Structure formats: structure tokens, C-alpha cells
Amino acid sequence: MSPPAATASTARQVLQRRAIQCSFSSVFHLRNCAGTGTGAEATTAMKEAKNAERIFFRAVALPVYAMGVIGVAAYGHKQW
């Protein structure tokens, strides 16, 4: 029996909020936990974990990468 749509939506929001607020290890822990089950529930959990990773990557990793690139460019410009 699947959970009601409101419960699934609330769970998705909590997962997305945690993905944005948590550290690298917490986000990847979600993926490791999702991969331990079997059947349809494990497939759904894995999709949610991948979604959390994608949100975290876009919200945290890409801006950090951009700041690094800008920092290197500024340092290089200052040197020459």
C-alpha cells in the first residue's frame, strides 16, 4: 500500500530541505541507505536519494566551484 499523496509530498519536501542544509556525508548517506532494500520501495527510495543529491549538487557544489574558478581567475589576473 502506497502512502497518501500529501504524505509523499511532505516527505519529498523534508528530503529536499535536508539535501540543501546538510553536509556531503549526510546526502550520500541517504543514497547508501536507499540502496539497502529490495523491491518497489527501494527503487522509490533510490530515486528520492538521487533527487536529493541533484538538489544538493546544484545548491551547494556548483556555487562553491564557481567561487573557486573566480578566485583562481582573480589571483591569476593579479599576478599578471
PDB file of N, CA and C in Angstrom:
ATOM      1  N   MET A   1       0.852  -1.180   0.000  1.00  0.00           N
ATOM      2  CA  MET A   1       0.000   0.000   0.000  1.00  0.00           C
ATOM      3  C   MET A   1       0.890   1.232   0.000  1.00  0.00           C
ATOM      4  N   SER A   2       0.668   2.135  -0.914  1.00  0.00           N
ATOM      5  CA  SER A   2       1.488   3.336  -1.009  1.00  0.00           C
ATOM      6  C   SER A   2       0.936   4.419  -0.087  1.00  0.00           C
ATOM      7  N   PRO A   3       1.826   5.338   0.366  1.00  0.00           N
ATOM      8  CA  PRO A   3       1.377   6.412   1.254  1.00  0.00           C
ATOM      9  C   PRO A   3       0.513   7.414   0.497  1.00  0.00           C
ATOM     10  N   PRO A   4      -0.345   8.135   1.223  1.00  0.00           N
ATOM     11  CA  PRO A   4      -1.159   9.155   0.561  1.00  0.00           C
ATOM     12  C   PRO A   4      -0.282  10.210  -0.111  1.00  0.00           C
ATOM     13  N   ALA A   5      -0.843  10.899  -1.095  1.00  0.00           N
ATOM     14  CA  ALA A   5      -0.081  11.883  -1.862  1.00  0.00           C
ATOM     15  C   ALA A   5       0.447  13.000  -0.972  1.00  0.00           C
ATOM     16  N   ALA A   6      -0.327  13.429   0.007  1.00  0.00           N
ATOM     17  CA  ALA A   6       0.109  14.508   0.901  1.00  0.00           C
ATOM     18  C   ALA A   6       1.318  14.080   1.720  1.00  0.00           C
ATOM     19  N   THR A   7       1.320  12.838   2.178  1.00  0.00           N
ATOM     20  CA  THR A   7       2.454  12.336   2.949  1.00  0.00           C
ATOM     21  C   THR A   7       3.695  12.240   2.085  1.00  0.00           C
ATOM     22  N   ALA A   8       3.543  11.751   0.865  1.00  0.00           N
ATOM     23  CA  ALA A   8       4.681  11.647  -0.046  1.00  0.00           C
ATOM     24  C   ALA A   8       5.233  13.030  -0.375  1.00  0.00           C
ATOM     25  N   SER A   9       4.342  14.001  -0.572  1.00  0.00           N
ATOM     26  CA  SER A   9       4.771  15.358  -0.868  1.00  0.00           C
ATOM     27  C   SER A   9       5.518  15.970   0.309  1.00  0.00           C
ATOM     28  N   THR A  10       5.021  15.755   1.505  1.00  0.00           N
ATOM     29  CA  THR A  10       5.686  16.261   2.713  1.00  0.00           C
ATOM     30  C   THR A  10       7.045  15.614   2.876  1.00  0.00           C
ATOM     31  N   ALA A  11       7.116  14.311   2.644  1.00  0.00           N
ATOM     32  CA  ALA A  11       8.391  13.598   2.755  1.00  0.00           C
ATOM     33  C   ALA A  11       9.386  14.123   1.728  1.00  0.00           C
ATOM     34  N   ARG A  12       8.920  14.413   0.530  1.00  0.00           N
ATOM     35  CA  ARG A  12       9.797  14.942  -0.517  1.00  0.00           C
ATOM     36  C   ARG A  12      10.338  16.315  -0.118  1.00  0.00           C
ATOM     37  N   GLN A  13       9.485  17.153   0.457  1.00  0.00           N
ATOM     38  CA  GLN A  13       9.926  18.477   0.892  1.00  0.00           C
ATOM     39  C   GLN A  13      10.975  18.379   1.999  1.00  0.00           C
ATOM     40  N   VAL A  14      10.762  17.467   2.936  1.00  0.00           N
ATOM     41  CA  VAL A  14      11.733  17.280   4.019  1.00  0.00           C
ATOM     42  C   VAL A  14      13.059  16.798   3.448  1.00  0.00           C
ATOM     43  N   LEU A  15      13.002  15.869   2.518  1.00  0.00           N
ATOM     44  CA  LEU A  15      14.214  15.348   1.901  1.00  0.00           C
ATOM     45  C   LEU A  15      14.951  16.438   1.141  1.00  0.00           C
ATOM     46  N   GLN A  16      14.238  17.284   0.420  1.00  0.00           N
ATOM     47  CA  GLN A  16      14.867  18.376  -0.315  1.00  0.00           C
ATOM     48  C   GLN A  16      15.484  19.389   0.637  1.00  0.00           C
ATOM     49  N   ARG A  17      14.793  19.699   1.719  1.00  0.00           N
ATOM     50  CA  ARG A  17      15.325  20.654   2.700  1.00  0.00           C
ATOM     51  C   ARG A  17      16.604  20.108   3.328  1.00  0.00           C
ATOM     52  N   ARG A  18      16.593  18.839   3.665  1.00  0.00           N
ATOM     53  CA  ARG A  18      17.805  18.228   4.237  1.00  0.00           C
ATOM     54  C   ARG A  18      18.947  18.205   3.239  1.00  0.00           C
ATOM     55  N   ALA A  19      18.633  17.978   1.976  1.00  0.00           N
ATOM     56  CA  ALA A  19      19.676  17.939   0.953  1.00  0.00           C
ATOM     57  C   ALA A  19      20.361  19.285   0.827  1.00  0.00           C
ATOM     58  N   ILE A  20      19.609  20.352   0.978  1.00  0.00           N
ATOM     59  CA  ILE A  20      20.196  21.684   0.862  1.00  0.00           C
ATOM     60  C   ILE A  20      20.968  22.057   2.125  1.00  0.00           C
ATOM     61  N   GLN A  21      20.465  21.671   3.286  1.00  0.00           N
ATOM     62  CA  GLN A  21      21.052  22.099   4.549  1.00  0.00           C
ATOM     63  C   GLN A  21      22.161  21.184   5.063  1.00  0.00           C
ATOM     64  N   CYS A  22      22.235  19.980   4.591  1.00  0.00           N
ATOM     65  CA  CYS A  22      23.161  19.005   5.166  1.00  0.00           C
ATOM     66  C   CYS A  22      24.525  19.027   4.490  1.00  0.00           C
ATOM     67  N   SER A  23      25.411  18.257   5.065  1.00  0.00           N
ATOM     68  CA  SER A  23      26.762  18.142   4.542  1.00  0.00           C
ATOM     69  C   SER A  23      26.828  17.096   3.436  1.00  0.00           C
ATOM     70  N   PHE A  24      27.991  17.003   2.813  1.00  0.00           N
ATOM     71  CA  PHE A  24      28.205  15.991   1.781  1.00  0.00           C
ATOM     72  C   PHE A  24      27.909  14.595   2.322  1.00  0.00           C
ATOM     73  N   SER A  25      28.429  14.268   3.484  1.00  0.00           N
ATOM     74  CA  SER A  25      28.273  12.917   4.007  1.00  0.00           C
ATOM     75  C   SER A  25      26.817  12.572   4.281  1.00  0.00           C
ATOM     76  N   SER A  26      26.024  13.535   4.727  1.00  0.00           N
ATOM     77  CA  SER A  26      24.616  13.269   5.008  1.00  0.00           C
ATOM     78  C   SER A  26      23.847  12.968   3.729  1.00  0.00           C
ATOM     79  N   VAL A  27      24.131  13.707   2.678  1.00  0.00           N
ATOM     80  CA  VAL A  27      23.431  13.487   1.417  1.00  0.00           C
ATOM     81  C   VAL A  27      23.793  12.124   0.839  1.00  0.00           C
ATOM     82  N   PHE A  28      25.065  11.769   0.853  1.00  0.00           N
ATOM     83  CA  PHE A  28      25.460  10.487   0.300  1.00  0.00           C
ATOM     84  C   PHE A  28      25.045   9.328   1.205  1.00  0.00           C
ATOM     85  N   HIS A  29      24.836   9.595   2.480  1.00  0.00           N
ATOM     86  CA  HIS A  29      24.308   8.576   3.386  1.00  0.00           C
ATOM     87  C   HIS A  29      22.888   8.197   2.971  1.00  0.00           C
ATOM     88  N   LEU A  30      22.112   9.172   2.501  1.00  0.00           N
ATOM     89  CA  LEU A  30      20.763   8.878   2.008  1.00  0.00           C
ATOM     90  C   LEU A  30      20.815   7.869   0.866  1.00  0.00           C
ATOM     91  N   ARG A  31      21.770   8.042  -0.035  1.00  0.00           N
ATOM     92  CA  ARG A  31      21.889   7.110  -1.157  1.00  0.00           C
ATOM     93  C   ARG A  31      22.262   5.714  -0.673  1.00  0.00           C
ATOM     94  N   ASN A  32      23.185   5.633   0.279  1.00  0.00           N
ATOM     95  CA  ASN A  32      23.603   4.332   0.781  1.00  0.00           C
ATOM     96  C   ASN A  32      22.461   3.621   1.498  1.00  0.00           C
ATOM     97  N   CYS A  33      21.662   4.355   2.247  1.00  0.00           N
ATOM     98  CA  CYS A  33      20.518   3.757   2.935  1.00  0.00           C
ATOM     99  C   CYS A  33      19.452   3.313   1.948  1.00  0.00           C
ATOM    100  N   ALA A  34      19.271   4.076   0.892  1.00  0.00           N
ATOM    101  CA  ALA A  34      18.247   3.749  -0.103  1.00  0.00           C
ATOM    102  C   ALA A  34      18.595   2.478  -0.860  1.00  0.00           C
ATOM    103  N   GLY A  35      19.861   2.188  -1.021  1.00  0.00           N
ATOM    104  CA  GLY A  35      20.275   1.028  -1.791  1.00  0.00           C
ATOM    105  C   GLY A  35      20.245  -0.278  -1.038  1.00  0.00           C
ATOM    106  N   THR A  36      19.860  -0.265   0.237  1.00  0.00           N
ATOM    107  CA  THR A  36      19.904  -1.490   1.029  1.00  0.00           C
ATOM    108  C   THR A  36      18.656  -2.338   0.915  1.00  0.00           C
ATOM    109  N   GLY A  37      17.544  -1.779   0.437  1.00  0.00           N
ATOM    110  CA  GLY A  37      16.293  -2.527   0.371  1.00  0.00           C
ATOM    111  C   GLY A  37      16.131  -3.255  -0.946  1.00  0.00           C
ATOM    112  N   THR A  38      14.951  -3.870  -1.095  1.00  0.00           N
ATOM    113  CA  THR A  38      14.623  -4.556  -2.342  1.00  0.00           C
ATOM    114  C   THR A  38      13.204  -4.184  -2.738  1.00  0.00           C
ATOM    115  N   GLY A  39      12.895  -4.364  -3.993  1.00  0.00           N
ATOM    116  CA  GLY A  39      11.540  -4.140  -4.470  1.00  0.00           C
ATOM    117  C   GLY A  39      11.246  -2.708  -4.838  1.00  0.00           C
ATOM    118  N   ALA A  40       9.951  -2.410  -4.908  1.00  0.00           N
ATOM    119  CA  ALA A  40       9.488  -1.099  -5.343  1.00  0.00           C
ATOM    120  C   ALA A  40       9.877  -0.004  -4.363  1.00  0.00           C
ATOM    121  N   GLU A  41       9.859  -0.306  -3.075  1.00  0.00           N
ATOM    122  CA  GLU A  41      10.225   0.703  -2.076  1.00  0.00           C
ATOM    123  C   GLU A  41      11.678   1.130  -2.229  1.00  0.00           C
ATOM    124  N   ALA A  42      12.549   0.191  -2.512  1.00  0.00           N
ATOM    125  CA  ALA A  42      13.966   0.508  -2.702  1.00  0.00           C
ATOM    126  C   ALA A  42      14.165   1.355  -3.955  1.00  0.00           C
ATOM    127  N   THR A  43      13.410   1.048  -5.002  1.00  0.00           N
ATOM    128  CA  THR A  43      13.512   1.824  -6.232  1.00  0.00           C
ATOM    129  C   THR A  43      13.064   3.261  -5.993  1.00  0.00           C
ATOM    130  N   THR A  44      11.971   3.431  -5.278  1.00  0.00           N
ATOM    131  CA  THR A  44      11.483   4.768  -4.954  1.00  0.00           C
ATOM    132  C   THR A  44      12.477   5.497  -4.064  1.00  0.00           C
ATOM    133  N   ALA A  45      13.023   4.810  -3.078  1.00  0.00           N
ATOM    134  CA  ALA A  45      13.993   5.423  -2.176  1.00  0.00           C
ATOM    135  C   ALA A  45      15.248   5.836  -2.926  1.00  0.00           C
ATOM    136  N   MET A  46      15.678   5.025  -3.883  1.00  0.00           N
ATOM    137  CA  MET A  46      16.860   5.356  -4.667  1.00  0.00           C
ATOM    138  C   MET A  46      16.599   6.581  -5.538  1.00  0.00           C
ATOM    139  N   LYS A  47      15.424   6.681  -6.116  1.00  0.00           N
ATOM    140  CA  LYS A  47      15.083   7.860  -6.916  1.00  0.00           C
ATOM    141  C   LYS A  47      15.077   9.112  -6.048  1.00  0.00           C
ATOM    142  N   GLU A  48      14.523   9.006  -4.850  1.00  0.00           N
ATOM    143  CA  GLU A  48      14.497  10.152  -3.943  1.00  0.00           C
ATOM    144  C   GLU A  48      15.911  10.539  -3.508  1.00  0.00           C
ATOM    145  N   ALA A  49      16.765   9.553  -3.270  1.00  0.00           N
ATOM    146  CA  ALA A  49      18.147   9.836  -2.881  1.00  0.00           C
ATOM    147  C   ALA A  49      18.898  10.527  -4.017  1.00  0.00           C
ATOM    148  N   LYS A  50      18.687  10.069  -5.242  1.00  0.00           N
ATOM    149  CA  LYS A  50      19.328  10.721  -6.392  1.00  0.00           C
ATOM    150  C   LYS A  50      18.817  12.144  -6.565  1.00  0.00           C
ATOM    151  N   ASN A  51      17.539  12.338  -6.311  1.00  0.00           N
ATOM    152  CA  ASN A  51      16.970  13.684  -6.384  1.00  0.00           C
ATOM    153  C   ASN A  51      17.606  14.581  -5.322  1.00  0.00           C
ATOM    154  N   ALA A  52      17.799  14.055  -4.117  1.00  0.00           N
ATOM    155  CA  ALA A  52      18.438  14.821  -3.041  1.00  0.00           C
ATOM    156  C   ALA A  52      19.875  15.179  -3.417  1.00  0.00           C
ATOM    157  N   GLU A  53      20.592  14.230  -4.019  1.00  0.00           N
ATOM    158  CA  GLU A  53      21.962  14.512  -4.461  1.00  0.00           C
ATOM    159  C   GLU A  53      21.982  15.614  -5.514  1.00  0.00           C
ATOM    160  N   ARG A  54      21.048  15.550  -6.443  1.00  0.00           N
ATOM    161  CA  ARG A  54      20.991  16.544  -7.514  1.00  0.00           C
ATOM    162  C   ARG A  54      20.694  17.935  -6.934  1.00  0.00           C
ATOM    163  N   ILE A  55      19.760  18.025  -6.008  1.00  0.00           N
ATOM    164  CA  ILE A  55      19.438  19.302  -5.376  1.00  0.00           C
ATOM    165  C   ILE A  55      20.647  19.834  -4.620  1.00  0.00           C
ATOM    166  N   PHE A  56      21.300  18.962  -3.848  1.00  0.00           N
ATOM    167  CA  PHE A  56      22.463  19.377  -3.077  1.00  0.00           C
ATOM    168  C   PHE A  56      23.571  19.857  -4.000  1.00  0.00           C
ATOM    169  N   PHE A  57      23.807  19.125  -5.077  1.00  0.00           N
ATOM    170  CA  PHE A  57      24.868  19.482  -6.009  1.00  0.00           C
ATOM    171  C   PHE A  57      24.610  20.850  -6.626  1.00  0.00           C
ATOM    172  N   ARG A  58      23.374  21.095  -7.028  1.00  0.00           N
ATOM    173  CA  ARG A  58      23.042  22.382  -7.647  1.00  0.00           C
ATOM    174  C   ARG A  58      23.077  23.528  -6.647  1.00  0.00           C
ATOM    175  N   ALA A  59      22.660  23.268  -5.423  1.00  0.00           N
ATOM    176  CA  ALA A  59      22.555  24.344  -4.431  1.00  0.00           C
ATOM    177  C   ALA A  59      23.869  24.639  -3.721  1.00  0.00           C
ATOM    178  N   VAL A  60      24.765  23.649  -3.630  1.00  0.00           N
ATOM    179  CA  VAL A  60      25.980  23.827  -2.846  1.00  0.00           C
ATOM    180  C   VAL A  60      27.246  23.663  -3.678  1.00  0.00           C
ATOM    181  N   ALA A  61      27.384  22.554  -4.350  1.00  0.00           N
ATOM    182  CA  ALA A  61      28.636  22.242  -5.035  1.00  0.00           C
ATOM    183  C   ALA A  61      28.912  23.179  -6.211  1.00  0.00           C
ATOM    184  N   LEU A  62      27.911  23.487  -7.008  1.00  0.00           N
ATOM    185  CA  LEU A  62      28.144  24.375  -8.152  1.00  0.00           C
ATOM    186  C   LEU A  62      28.547  25.788  -7.721  1.00  0.00           C
ATOM    187  N   PRO A  63      27.885  26.394  -6.730  1.00  0.00           N
ATOM    188  CA  PRO A  63      28.353  27.711  -6.284  1.00  0.00           C
ATOM    189  C   PRO A  63      29.766  27.686  -5.696  1.00  0.00           C
ATOM    190  N   VAL A  64      30.113  26.630  -4.979  1.00  0.00           N
ATOM    191  CA  VAL A  64      31.467  26.517  -4.434  1.00  0.00           C
ATOM    192  C   VAL A  64      32.477  26.412  -5.574  1.00  0.00           C
ATOM    193  N   TYR A  65      32.154  25.634  -6.585  1.00  0.00           N
ATOM    194  CA  TYR A  65      33.020  25.506  -7.753  1.00  0.00           C
ATOM    195  C   TYR A  65      33.178  26.867  -8.451  1.00  0.00           C
ATOM    196  N   ALA A  66      32.068  27.578  -8.613  1.00  0.00           N
ATOM    197  CA  ALA A  66      32.118  28.892  -9.265  1.00  0.00           C
ATOM    198  C   ALA A  66      32.993  29.862  -8.473  1.00  0.00           C
ATOM    199  N   MET A  67      32.866  29.845  -7.159  1.00  0.00           N
ATOM    200  CA  MET A  67      33.709  30.731  -6.338  1.00  0.00           C
ATOM    201  C   MET A  67      35.182  30.373  -6.497  1.00  0.00           C
ATOM    202  N   GLY A  68      35.479  29.087  -6.598  1.00  0.00           N
ATOM    203  CA  GLY A  68      36.857  28.664  -6.801  1.00  0.00           C
ATOM    204  C   GLY A  68      37.410  29.141  -8.131  1.00  0.00           C
ATOM    205  N   VAL A  69      36.622  29.010  -9.171  1.00  0.00           N
ATOM    206  CA  VAL A  69      37.056  29.463 -10.501  1.00  0.00           C
ATOM    207  C   VAL A  69      37.269  30.971 -10.503  1.00  0.00           C
ATOM    208  N   ILE A  70      36.354  31.707  -9.900  1.00  0.00           N
ATOM    209  CA  ILE A  70      36.504  33.169  -9.831  1.00  0.00           C
ATOM    210  C   ILE A  70      37.741  33.538  -9.015  1.00  0.00           C
ATOM    211  N   GLY A  71      37.996  32.820  -7.925  1.00  0.00           N
ATOM    212  CA  GLY A  71      39.171  33.081  -7.101  1.00  0.00           C
ATOM    213  C   GLY A  71      40.467  32.843  -7.854  1.00  0.00           C
ATOM    214  N   VAL A  72      40.524  31.752  -8.592  1.00  0.00           N
ATOM    215  CA  VAL A  72      41.720  31.444  -9.382  1.00  0.00           C
ATOM    216  C   VAL A  72      41.915  32.502 -10.471  1.00  0.00           C
ATOM    217  N   ALA A  73      40.830  32.897 -11.107  1.00  0.00           N
ATOM    218  CA  ALA A  73      40.932  33.923 -12.151  1.00  0.00           C
ATOM    219  C   ALA A  73      41.395  35.257 -11.560  1.00  0.00           C
ATOM    220  N   ALA A  74      40.866  35.611 -10.404  1.00  0.00           N
ATOM    221  CA  ALA A  74      41.276  36.870  -9.768  1.00  0.00           C
ATOM    222  C   ALA A  74      42.745  36.814  -9.361  1.00  0.00           C
ATOM    223  N   TYR A  75      43.171  35.691  -8.828  1.00  0.00           N
ATOM    224  CA  TYR A  75      44.570  35.532  -8.437  1.00  0.00           C
ATOM    225  C   TYR A  75      45.475  35.612  -9.663  1.00  0.00           C
ATOM    226  N   GLY A  76      45.058  34.943 -10.737  1.00  0.00           N
ATOM    227  CA  GLY A  76      45.845  34.975 -11.961  1.00  0.00           C
ATOM    228  C   GLY A  76      45.911  36.362 -12.563  1.00  0.00           C
ATOM    229  N   HIS A  77      44.814  37.081 -12.518  1.00  0.00           N
ATOM    230  CA  HIS A  77      44.780  38.451 -13.037  1.00  0.00           C
ATOM    231  C   HIS A  77      45.670  39.372 -12.198  1.00  0.00           C
ATOM    232  N   LYS A  78      45.693  39.141 -10.916  1.00  0.00           N
ATOM    233  CA  LYS A  78      46.512  39.964 -10.006  1.00  0.00           C
ATOM    234  C   LYS A  78      48.002  39.704 -10.252  1.00  0.00           C
ATOM    235  N   GLN A  79      48.363  38.499 -10.605  1.00  0.00           N
ATOM    236  CA  GLN A  79      49.764  38.123 -10.801  1.00  0.00           C
ATOM    237  C   GLN A  79      50.329  38.691 -12.095  1.00  0.00           C
ATOM    238  N   TRP A  80      49.477  38.922 -13.102  1.00  0.00           N
ATOM    239  CA  TRP A  80      49.990  39.386 -14.393  1.00  0.00           C
ATOM    240  C   TRP A  80      49.537  40.747 -14.647  1.00  0.00           C
TER     241      TRP A  80
END
